[in-house]
N, C-alpha and C. Protein backbone atom coordinates (compact mmCIF):
# COMPACT_ATOMS: atom_id res chain seq x y z
N UNK A 1 -1.47 21.90 17.10
CA UNK A 1 -1.94 22.27 15.79
C UNK A 1 -2.55 21.05 15.12
N UNK A 2 -3.70 21.21 14.55
CA UNK A 2 -4.41 20.11 13.91
C UNK A 2 -4.15 20.15 12.40
N UNK A 3 -3.75 18.99 11.87
CA UNK A 3 -3.54 18.88 10.42
C UNK A 3 -4.70 18.10 9.83
N UNK A 4 -5.44 18.72 8.96
CA UNK A 4 -6.58 18.07 8.34
C UNK A 4 -6.29 17.77 6.88
N UNK A 5 -6.76 16.62 6.44
CA UNK A 5 -6.63 16.25 5.04
C UNK A 5 -8.01 15.89 4.51
N UNK A 6 -8.20 16.11 3.25
CA UNK A 6 -9.46 15.75 2.61
C UNK A 6 -9.42 14.25 2.30
N UNK A 7 -10.16 13.46 3.08
CA UNK A 7 -10.12 12.00 2.93
C UNK A 7 -11.51 11.46 2.67
N UNK A 8 -11.57 10.43 1.81
CA UNK A 8 -12.83 9.76 1.49
C UNK A 8 -12.60 8.27 1.45
N UNK A 9 -13.51 7.50 2.03
CA UNK A 9 -13.42 6.04 1.97
C UNK A 9 -13.99 5.59 0.62
N UNK A 10 -13.22 4.78 -0.09
CA UNK A 10 -13.68 4.27 -1.38
C UNK A 10 -13.89 2.77 -1.35
N UNK A 11 -13.23 2.07 -0.45
CA UNK A 11 -13.20 0.61 -0.43
C UNK A 11 -14.49 -0.06 -0.01
N UNK A 12 -15.50 0.71 0.37
CA UNK A 12 -16.75 0.08 0.81
C UNK A 12 -17.60 -0.44 -0.34
N UNK A 13 -17.18 -0.18 -1.59
CA UNK A 13 -17.95 -0.66 -2.73
C UNK A 13 -17.42 -1.99 -3.28
N UNK A 14 -16.34 -2.50 -2.71
CA UNK A 14 -15.74 -3.78 -3.10
C UNK A 14 -15.35 -3.86 -4.57
N UNK A 15 -14.97 -2.73 -5.16
CA UNK A 15 -14.51 -2.73 -6.55
C UNK A 15 -13.21 -3.54 -6.65
N UNK A 16 -13.12 -4.39 -7.65
CA UNK A 16 -11.94 -5.24 -7.82
C UNK A 16 -10.70 -4.37 -8.06
N UNK A 17 -9.66 -4.59 -7.27
CA UNK A 17 -8.39 -3.86 -7.37
C UNK A 17 -8.56 -2.35 -7.24
N UNK A 18 -9.58 -1.93 -6.51
CA UNK A 18 -9.84 -0.50 -6.31
C UNK A 18 -9.17 0.02 -5.05
N UNK A 19 -9.12 1.34 -4.94
CA UNK A 19 -8.51 1.99 -3.79
C UNK A 19 -9.39 1.82 -2.55
N UNK A 20 -8.74 1.80 -1.38
CA UNK A 20 -9.47 1.78 -0.12
C UNK A 20 -9.86 3.19 0.30
N UNK A 21 -8.96 4.16 0.04
CA UNK A 21 -9.20 5.55 0.44
C UNK A 21 -8.67 6.49 -0.62
N UNK A 22 -9.22 7.70 -0.60
CA UNK A 22 -8.72 8.79 -1.43
C UNK A 22 -8.37 9.92 -0.47
N UNK A 23 -7.08 10.24 -0.33
CA UNK A 23 -6.63 11.28 0.60
C UNK A 23 -5.95 12.38 -0.20
N UNK A 24 -6.54 13.56 -0.18
CA UNK A 24 -6.00 14.72 -0.91
C UNK A 24 -5.68 14.36 -2.36
N UNK A 25 -6.55 13.62 -3.00
CA UNK A 25 -6.40 13.27 -4.41
C UNK A 25 -5.51 12.06 -4.67
N UNK A 26 -4.94 11.45 -3.64
CA UNK A 26 -4.07 10.28 -3.80
C UNK A 26 -4.83 9.01 -3.45
N UNK A 27 -4.87 8.07 -4.39
CA UNK A 27 -5.54 6.79 -4.14
C UNK A 27 -4.61 5.90 -3.30
N UNK A 28 -5.17 5.30 -2.25
CA UNK A 28 -4.36 4.49 -1.33
C UNK A 28 -5.00 3.13 -1.13
N UNK A 29 -4.19 2.10 -1.25
CA UNK A 29 -4.59 0.73 -0.95
C UNK A 29 -3.88 0.34 0.35
N UNK A 30 -4.59 -0.25 1.30
CA UNK A 30 -4.03 -0.58 2.61
C UNK A 30 -3.84 -2.09 2.74
N UNK A 31 -2.65 -2.50 3.15
CA UNK A 31 -2.35 -3.92 3.38
C UNK A 31 -1.61 -4.06 4.70
N UNK A 32 -2.24 -4.69 5.68
CA UNK A 32 -1.63 -4.95 6.98
C UNK A 32 -1.50 -6.45 7.17
N UNK A 33 -0.32 -6.99 6.90
CA UNK A 33 -0.04 -8.42 7.09
C UNK A 33 1.07 -8.56 8.13
N UNK A 34 1.39 -9.79 8.51
CA UNK A 34 2.31 -10.03 9.62
C UNK A 34 3.75 -9.65 9.34
N UNK A 35 4.17 -9.61 8.07
CA UNK A 35 5.53 -9.20 7.72
C UNK A 35 5.48 -8.20 6.57
N UNK A 36 6.58 -7.46 6.41
CA UNK A 36 6.65 -6.47 5.33
C UNK A 36 6.52 -7.15 3.96
N UNK A 37 7.19 -8.28 3.79
CA UNK A 37 7.13 -9.00 2.51
C UNK A 37 5.71 -9.44 2.20
N UNK A 38 4.97 -9.89 3.20
CA UNK A 38 3.59 -10.30 2.98
C UNK A 38 2.68 -9.11 2.69
N UNK A 39 2.91 -7.99 3.37
CA UNK A 39 2.10 -6.80 3.14
C UNK A 39 2.27 -6.32 1.70
N UNK A 40 3.51 -6.28 1.23
CA UNK A 40 3.76 -5.85 -0.16
C UNK A 40 3.30 -6.94 -1.12
N UNK A 41 3.61 -8.19 -0.82
CA UNK A 41 3.24 -9.31 -1.70
C UNK A 41 1.74 -9.42 -1.93
N UNK A 42 0.94 -9.00 -0.95
CA UNK A 42 -0.52 -9.06 -1.08
C UNK A 42 -1.03 -8.11 -2.16
N UNK A 43 -0.20 -7.17 -2.59
CA UNK A 43 -0.61 -6.21 -3.61
C UNK A 43 -0.26 -6.68 -5.02
N UNK A 44 0.30 -7.87 -5.14
CA UNK A 44 0.70 -8.39 -6.44
C UNK A 44 -0.17 -9.58 -6.82
N UNK A 45 -0.46 -9.71 -8.10
CA UNK A 45 -1.33 -10.76 -8.61
C UNK A 45 -0.67 -12.13 -8.42
N UNK A 46 -1.44 -13.10 -7.99
CA UNK A 46 -0.91 -14.44 -7.76
C UNK A 46 -0.61 -15.19 -9.04
N UNK A 47 -1.25 -14.82 -10.14
CA UNK A 47 -1.05 -15.52 -11.42
C UNK A 47 0.19 -15.03 -12.16
N UNK A 48 0.25 -13.71 -12.43
CA UNK A 48 1.35 -13.18 -13.24
C UNK A 48 2.35 -12.36 -12.44
N UNK A 49 2.09 -12.12 -11.15
CA UNK A 49 3.04 -11.41 -10.30
C UNK A 49 3.09 -9.91 -10.49
N UNK A 50 2.18 -9.35 -11.27
CA UNK A 50 2.17 -7.90 -11.52
C UNK A 50 1.43 -7.16 -10.41
N UNK A 51 1.81 -5.89 -10.20
CA UNK A 51 1.15 -5.03 -9.21
C UNK A 51 -0.30 -4.85 -9.63
N UNK A 52 -1.23 -5.10 -8.69
CA UNK A 52 -2.65 -5.12 -9.02
C UNK A 52 -3.33 -3.77 -8.93
N UNK A 53 -2.79 -2.85 -8.16
CA UNK A 53 -3.53 -1.62 -7.84
C UNK A 53 -3.06 -0.44 -8.67
N UNK A 54 -3.64 -0.32 -9.84
CA UNK A 54 -3.32 0.77 -10.75
C UNK A 54 -4.45 1.80 -10.70
N UNK A 55 -4.09 3.05 -10.49
CA UNK A 55 -5.07 4.13 -10.42
C UNK A 55 -5.07 4.94 -11.70
N UNK A 56 -5.71 6.08 -11.65
CA UNK A 56 -5.79 6.97 -12.82
C UNK A 56 -4.43 7.56 -13.16
N UNK A 57 -3.56 7.72 -12.17
CA UNK A 57 -2.25 8.34 -12.38
C UNK A 57 -1.11 7.35 -12.19
N UNK A 58 -1.34 6.08 -12.51
CA UNK A 58 -0.30 5.07 -12.34
C UNK A 58 -0.56 4.23 -11.10
N UNK A 59 0.48 3.59 -10.57
CA UNK A 59 0.29 2.72 -9.41
C UNK A 59 -0.20 3.50 -8.19
N UNK A 60 -1.14 2.90 -7.45
CA UNK A 60 -1.64 3.52 -6.22
C UNK A 60 -0.59 3.36 -5.12
N UNK A 61 -0.64 4.26 -4.15
CA UNK A 61 0.21 4.10 -2.97
C UNK A 61 -0.28 2.91 -2.17
N UNK A 62 0.66 2.22 -1.55
CA UNK A 62 0.35 1.07 -0.72
C UNK A 62 0.71 1.40 0.73
N UNK A 63 -0.30 1.44 1.60
CA UNK A 63 -0.04 1.72 3.01
C UNK A 63 0.25 0.43 3.75
N UNK A 64 1.35 0.44 4.50
CA UNK A 64 1.76 -0.73 5.29
C UNK A 64 1.90 -0.31 6.75
N UNK A 65 1.93 -1.27 7.68
CA UNK A 65 2.10 -0.92 9.09
C UNK A 65 3.38 -0.11 9.33
N UNK A 66 3.32 0.79 10.29
CA UNK A 66 4.42 1.69 10.62
C UNK A 66 5.73 0.94 10.85
N UNK A 67 5.69 -0.17 11.55
CA UNK A 67 6.91 -0.91 11.87
C UNK A 67 7.46 -1.72 10.69
N UNK A 68 6.73 -1.80 9.60
CA UNK A 68 7.18 -2.58 8.43
C UNK A 68 7.66 -1.69 7.28
N UNK A 69 7.65 -0.38 7.47
CA UNK A 69 7.91 0.54 6.37
C UNK A 69 9.25 0.27 5.66
N UNK A 70 10.34 0.21 6.41
CA UNK A 70 11.67 0.03 5.79
C UNK A 70 11.74 -1.27 5.00
N UNK A 71 11.26 -2.36 5.56
CA UNK A 71 11.26 -3.64 4.86
C UNK A 71 10.36 -3.63 3.64
N UNK A 72 9.24 -2.93 3.73
CA UNK A 72 8.30 -2.85 2.61
C UNK A 72 8.91 -2.06 1.45
N UNK A 73 9.62 -0.98 1.76
CA UNK A 73 10.27 -0.19 0.70
C UNK A 73 11.31 -1.06 -0.01
N UNK A 74 12.09 -1.81 0.74
CA UNK A 74 13.11 -2.68 0.14
C UNK A 74 12.46 -3.76 -0.72
N UNK A 75 11.38 -4.35 -0.25
CA UNK A 75 10.67 -5.37 -1.03
C UNK A 75 10.11 -4.77 -2.31
N UNK A 76 9.55 -3.56 -2.23
CA UNK A 76 9.01 -2.90 -3.42
C UNK A 76 10.13 -2.56 -4.40
N UNK A 77 11.29 -2.14 -3.89
CA UNK A 77 12.43 -1.88 -4.79
C UNK A 77 12.77 -3.12 -5.60
N UNK A 78 12.80 -4.26 -4.93
CA UNK A 78 13.10 -5.52 -5.63
C UNK A 78 12.04 -5.84 -6.67
N UNK A 79 10.77 -5.61 -6.35
CA UNK A 79 9.69 -5.87 -7.31
C UNK A 79 9.82 -4.95 -8.52
N UNK A 80 10.20 -3.69 -8.29
CA UNK A 80 10.38 -2.76 -9.41
C UNK A 80 11.55 -3.21 -10.28
N UNK A 81 12.65 -3.64 -9.66
CA UNK A 81 13.80 -4.16 -10.43
C UNK A 81 13.41 -5.35 -11.29
N UNK A 82 12.50 -6.18 -10.78
CA UNK A 82 12.04 -7.36 -11.52
C UNK A 82 11.02 -7.01 -12.59
N UNK A 83 10.62 -5.73 -12.69
CA UNK A 83 9.66 -5.30 -13.71
C UNK A 83 8.22 -5.66 -13.38
N UNK A 84 7.90 -5.82 -12.11
CA UNK A 84 6.56 -6.25 -11.69
C UNK A 84 5.60 -5.09 -11.45
N UNK A 85 6.08 -3.83 -11.54
CA UNK A 85 5.22 -2.67 -11.31
C UNK A 85 5.11 -1.90 -12.63
N UNK A 86 3.98 -2.02 -13.34
CA UNK A 86 3.82 -1.36 -14.63
C UNK A 86 4.01 0.15 -14.55
N UNK A 87 4.80 0.69 -15.47
CA UNK A 87 5.00 2.13 -15.55
C UNK A 87 6.07 2.67 -14.61
N UNK A 88 6.72 1.80 -13.83
CA UNK A 88 7.77 2.25 -12.91
C UNK A 88 9.03 1.43 -13.18
N UNK A 89 10.13 2.14 -13.48
CA UNK A 89 11.39 1.45 -13.75
C UNK A 89 12.48 1.83 -12.75
N UNK A 90 12.32 2.93 -12.04
CA UNK A 90 13.32 3.40 -11.09
C UNK A 90 13.04 2.85 -9.69
N UNK A 91 13.92 2.00 -9.14
CA UNK A 91 13.70 1.45 -7.80
C UNK A 91 13.58 2.52 -6.71
N UNK A 92 14.10 3.72 -6.95
CA UNK A 92 13.99 4.80 -5.97
C UNK A 92 12.54 5.25 -5.79
N UNK A 93 11.69 4.92 -6.75
CA UNK A 93 10.26 5.27 -6.65
C UNK A 93 9.55 4.45 -5.58
N UNK A 94 10.18 3.42 -5.07
CA UNK A 94 9.55 2.56 -4.06
C UNK A 94 9.11 3.35 -2.84
N UNK A 95 9.92 4.32 -2.43
CA UNK A 95 9.57 5.10 -1.24
C UNK A 95 8.37 6.01 -1.50
N UNK A 96 8.10 6.32 -2.75
CA UNK A 96 6.91 7.10 -3.10
C UNK A 96 5.67 6.21 -3.15
N UNK A 97 5.85 4.95 -3.53
CA UNK A 97 4.72 4.03 -3.65
C UNK A 97 4.29 3.45 -2.31
N UNK A 98 5.22 3.34 -1.36
CA UNK A 98 4.90 2.78 -0.05
C UNK A 98 4.62 3.92 0.92
N UNK A 99 3.51 3.84 1.62
CA UNK A 99 3.12 4.85 2.61
C UNK A 99 3.18 4.23 3.99
N UNK A 100 3.83 4.94 4.91
CA UNK A 100 3.94 4.47 6.30
C UNK A 100 2.60 4.69 7.00
N UNK A 101 2.03 3.62 7.55
CA UNK A 101 0.77 3.71 8.26
C UNK A 101 0.93 4.39 9.61
N UNK A 102 -0.18 4.74 10.22
CA UNK A 102 -0.15 5.40 11.52
C UNK A 102 0.02 4.40 12.66
N UNK A 103 -0.29 3.14 12.41
CA UNK A 103 -0.26 2.11 13.45
C UNK A 103 0.75 1.02 13.11
N UNK A 104 1.28 0.37 14.14
CA UNK A 104 2.10 -0.81 13.92
C UNK A 104 1.16 -1.99 13.66
N UNK A 105 1.72 -3.09 13.20
CA UNK A 105 0.89 -4.27 12.95
C UNK A 105 0.23 -4.75 14.24
N UNK A 106 0.97 -4.75 15.34
CA UNK A 106 0.43 -5.21 16.62
C UNK A 106 -0.70 -4.30 17.10
N UNK A 107 -0.54 -2.99 16.96
CA UNK A 107 -1.59 -2.06 17.36
C UNK A 107 -2.85 -2.29 16.53
N UNK A 108 -2.70 -2.44 15.22
CA UNK A 108 -3.86 -2.66 14.34
C UNK A 108 -4.55 -3.98 14.70
N UNK A 109 -3.77 -5.01 14.97
CA UNK A 109 -4.33 -6.30 15.34
C UNK A 109 -5.11 -6.19 16.66
N UNK A 110 -4.55 -5.49 17.62
CA UNK A 110 -5.24 -5.33 18.91
C UNK A 110 -6.52 -4.51 18.78
N UNK A 111 -6.51 -3.49 17.95
CA UNK A 111 -7.72 -2.69 17.73
C UNK A 111 -8.83 -3.54 17.13
N UNK A 112 -8.49 -4.35 16.14
CA UNK A 112 -9.52 -5.18 15.52
C UNK A 112 -9.97 -6.30 16.44
N UNK A 113 -9.09 -6.76 17.29
CA UNK A 113 -9.44 -7.83 18.22
C UNK A 113 -10.40 -7.34 19.30
N UNK A 114 -10.13 -6.15 19.85
CA UNK A 114 -10.92 -5.66 20.97
C UNK A 114 -11.88 -4.55 20.57
N UNK A 115 -11.79 -4.10 19.32
CA UNK A 115 -12.65 -3.16 18.69
C UNK A 115 -13.16 -2.02 19.40
């Protein structure tokens, strides 16, 4: 059975702090770094430490590599506790903000390497 979603690429316009994709009305920012902490940390401003990717309906979902999902959710929970995600106060919302990617970090790296 094939599952289709309405997806559109948005990140090709290089808008500052804009979404990479729009999937079924959900804005998604993608971060694939070597560790879960780095993947989540890349979504926060280096100056004030606040979450950078705010959409029309609050914070955008952050897609991380499949193998980093659990660590990324825990890192996001800590950021929410520290008050670094505007409009979100409940650490349980971290699992809604983090999206598990289809690929592991190693798979994504190999695809980009050998293209």
